[in-house]
Amino acid sequence: MASSNGDQKLYELKHDPKPGYGMAFAISFAVMALYLALILVSSPGPAKSHGHGNEKQSPAIDTANGHAAEKSN
């Protein structure tokens, strides 16, 4: 661990960039963004049964016997 009085020199790891990787990253990012936009634009609409709006509520199903659960008072 480095001492707090600053008598040790800190070393920086550095490398030379390879040509072409920046352009490849930009192209792949653009393709990904266009693909995501295509998915969002072509989606059929809002999710069903999200609990808002005028949808009819389905009755609760009792998983033990497969019948509709009765409401308790």
Protein backbone atom coordinates (compact mmCIF):
# COMPACT_ATOMS: atom_id res chain seq x y z
CA MET A 1 0.00 0.00 0.00
CA ALA A 2 1.32 3.45 -0.86
CA SER A 3 2.35 5.71 1.98
CA SER A 4 0.43 8.91 2.59
CA ASN A 5 3.48 11.20 2.69
CA GLY A 6 3.98 11.02 -1.10
CA ASP A 7 7.55 9.69 -1.19
CA GLN A 8 6.63 6.86 -3.58
CA LYS A 9 6.13 7.44 -7.28
CA LEU A 10 2.82 6.31 -8.74
CA TYR A 11 3.04 4.44 -12.02
CA GLU A 12 0.48 4.75 -14.81
CA LEU A 13 -0.30 1.82 -17.05
CA LYS A 14 -0.57 3.01 -20.62
CA HIS A 15 -0.86 1.41 -24.03
CA ASP A 16 -0.93 2.68 -27.56
CA PRO A 17 -4.35 2.51 -29.23
CA LYS A 18 -4.73 0.14 -32.14
CA PRO A 19 -6.03 1.74 -35.32
CA GLY A 20 -9.53 0.78 -36.39
CA TYR A 21 -10.97 -0.22 -33.03
CA GLY A 22 -12.63 3.15 -32.44
CA MET A 23 -14.41 2.98 -35.79
CA ALA A 24 -15.45 -0.65 -35.19
CA PHE A 25 -16.91 0.31 -31.80
CA ALA A 26 -18.81 3.26 -33.29
CA ILE A 27 -20.25 1.09 -36.07
CA SER A 28 -21.30 -1.70 -33.71
CA PHE A 29 -22.88 0.81 -31.31
CA ALA A 30 -24.83 2.42 -34.18
CA VAL A 31 -26.06 -0.98 -35.39
CA MET A 32 -27.16 -1.87 -31.86
CA ALA A 33 -29.02 1.44 -31.47
CA LEU A 34 -30.80 1.00 -34.81
CA TYR A 35 -31.77 -2.57 -33.89
CA LEU A 36 -33.19 -1.43 -30.56
CA ALA A 37 -35.11 1.38 -32.27
CA LEU A 38 -36.53 -1.13 -34.78
CA ILE A 39 -37.70 -3.40 -31.96
CA LEU A 40 -39.35 -0.52 -30.09
CA VAL A 41 -41.06 0.90 -33.18
CA SER A 42 -42.32 -2.46 -34.42
CA SER A 43 -43.73 -3.59 -31.06
CA PRO A 44 -47.47 -4.33 -31.24
CA GLY A 45 -48.52 -1.99 -28.45
CA PRO A 46 -48.84 -1.77 -24.69
CA ALA A 47 -48.49 -4.85 -22.54
CA LYS A 48 -51.66 -6.74 -21.85
CA SER A 49 -53.02 -7.10 -18.29
CA HIS A 50 -50.92 -4.31 -16.87
CA GLY A 51 -53.73 -3.33 -14.49
CA HIS A 52 -54.60 0.10 -15.91
CA GLY A 53 -57.34 1.27 -18.18
CA ASN A 54 -60.61 -0.42 -19.06
CA GLU A 55 -59.45 -4.05 -19.16
CA LYS A 56 -61.68 -6.64 -17.56
CA GLN A 57 -60.09 -8.17 -14.46
CA SER A 58 -59.74 -11.94 -14.64
CA PRO A 59 -60.95 -13.89 -11.59
CA ALA A 60 -58.38 -15.23 -9.15
CA ILE A 61 -57.60 -18.90 -9.61
CA ASP A 62 -57.03 -21.18 -6.63
CA THR A 63 -53.91 -23.11 -7.60
CA ALA A 64 -54.67 -25.97 -5.19
CA ASN A 65 -57.80 -27.18 -6.99
CA GLY A 66 -57.84 -25.16 -10.24
CA HIS A 67 -61.18 -23.49 -9.52
CA ALA A 68 -61.95 -19.80 -9.20
CA ALA A 69 -61.27 -18.64 -5.67
CA GLU A 70 -64.25 -17.48 -3.64
CA LYS A 71 -64.28 -14.00 -2.17
CA SER A 72 -64.29 -13.86 1.63
CA ASN A 73 -66.21 -11.18 3.48
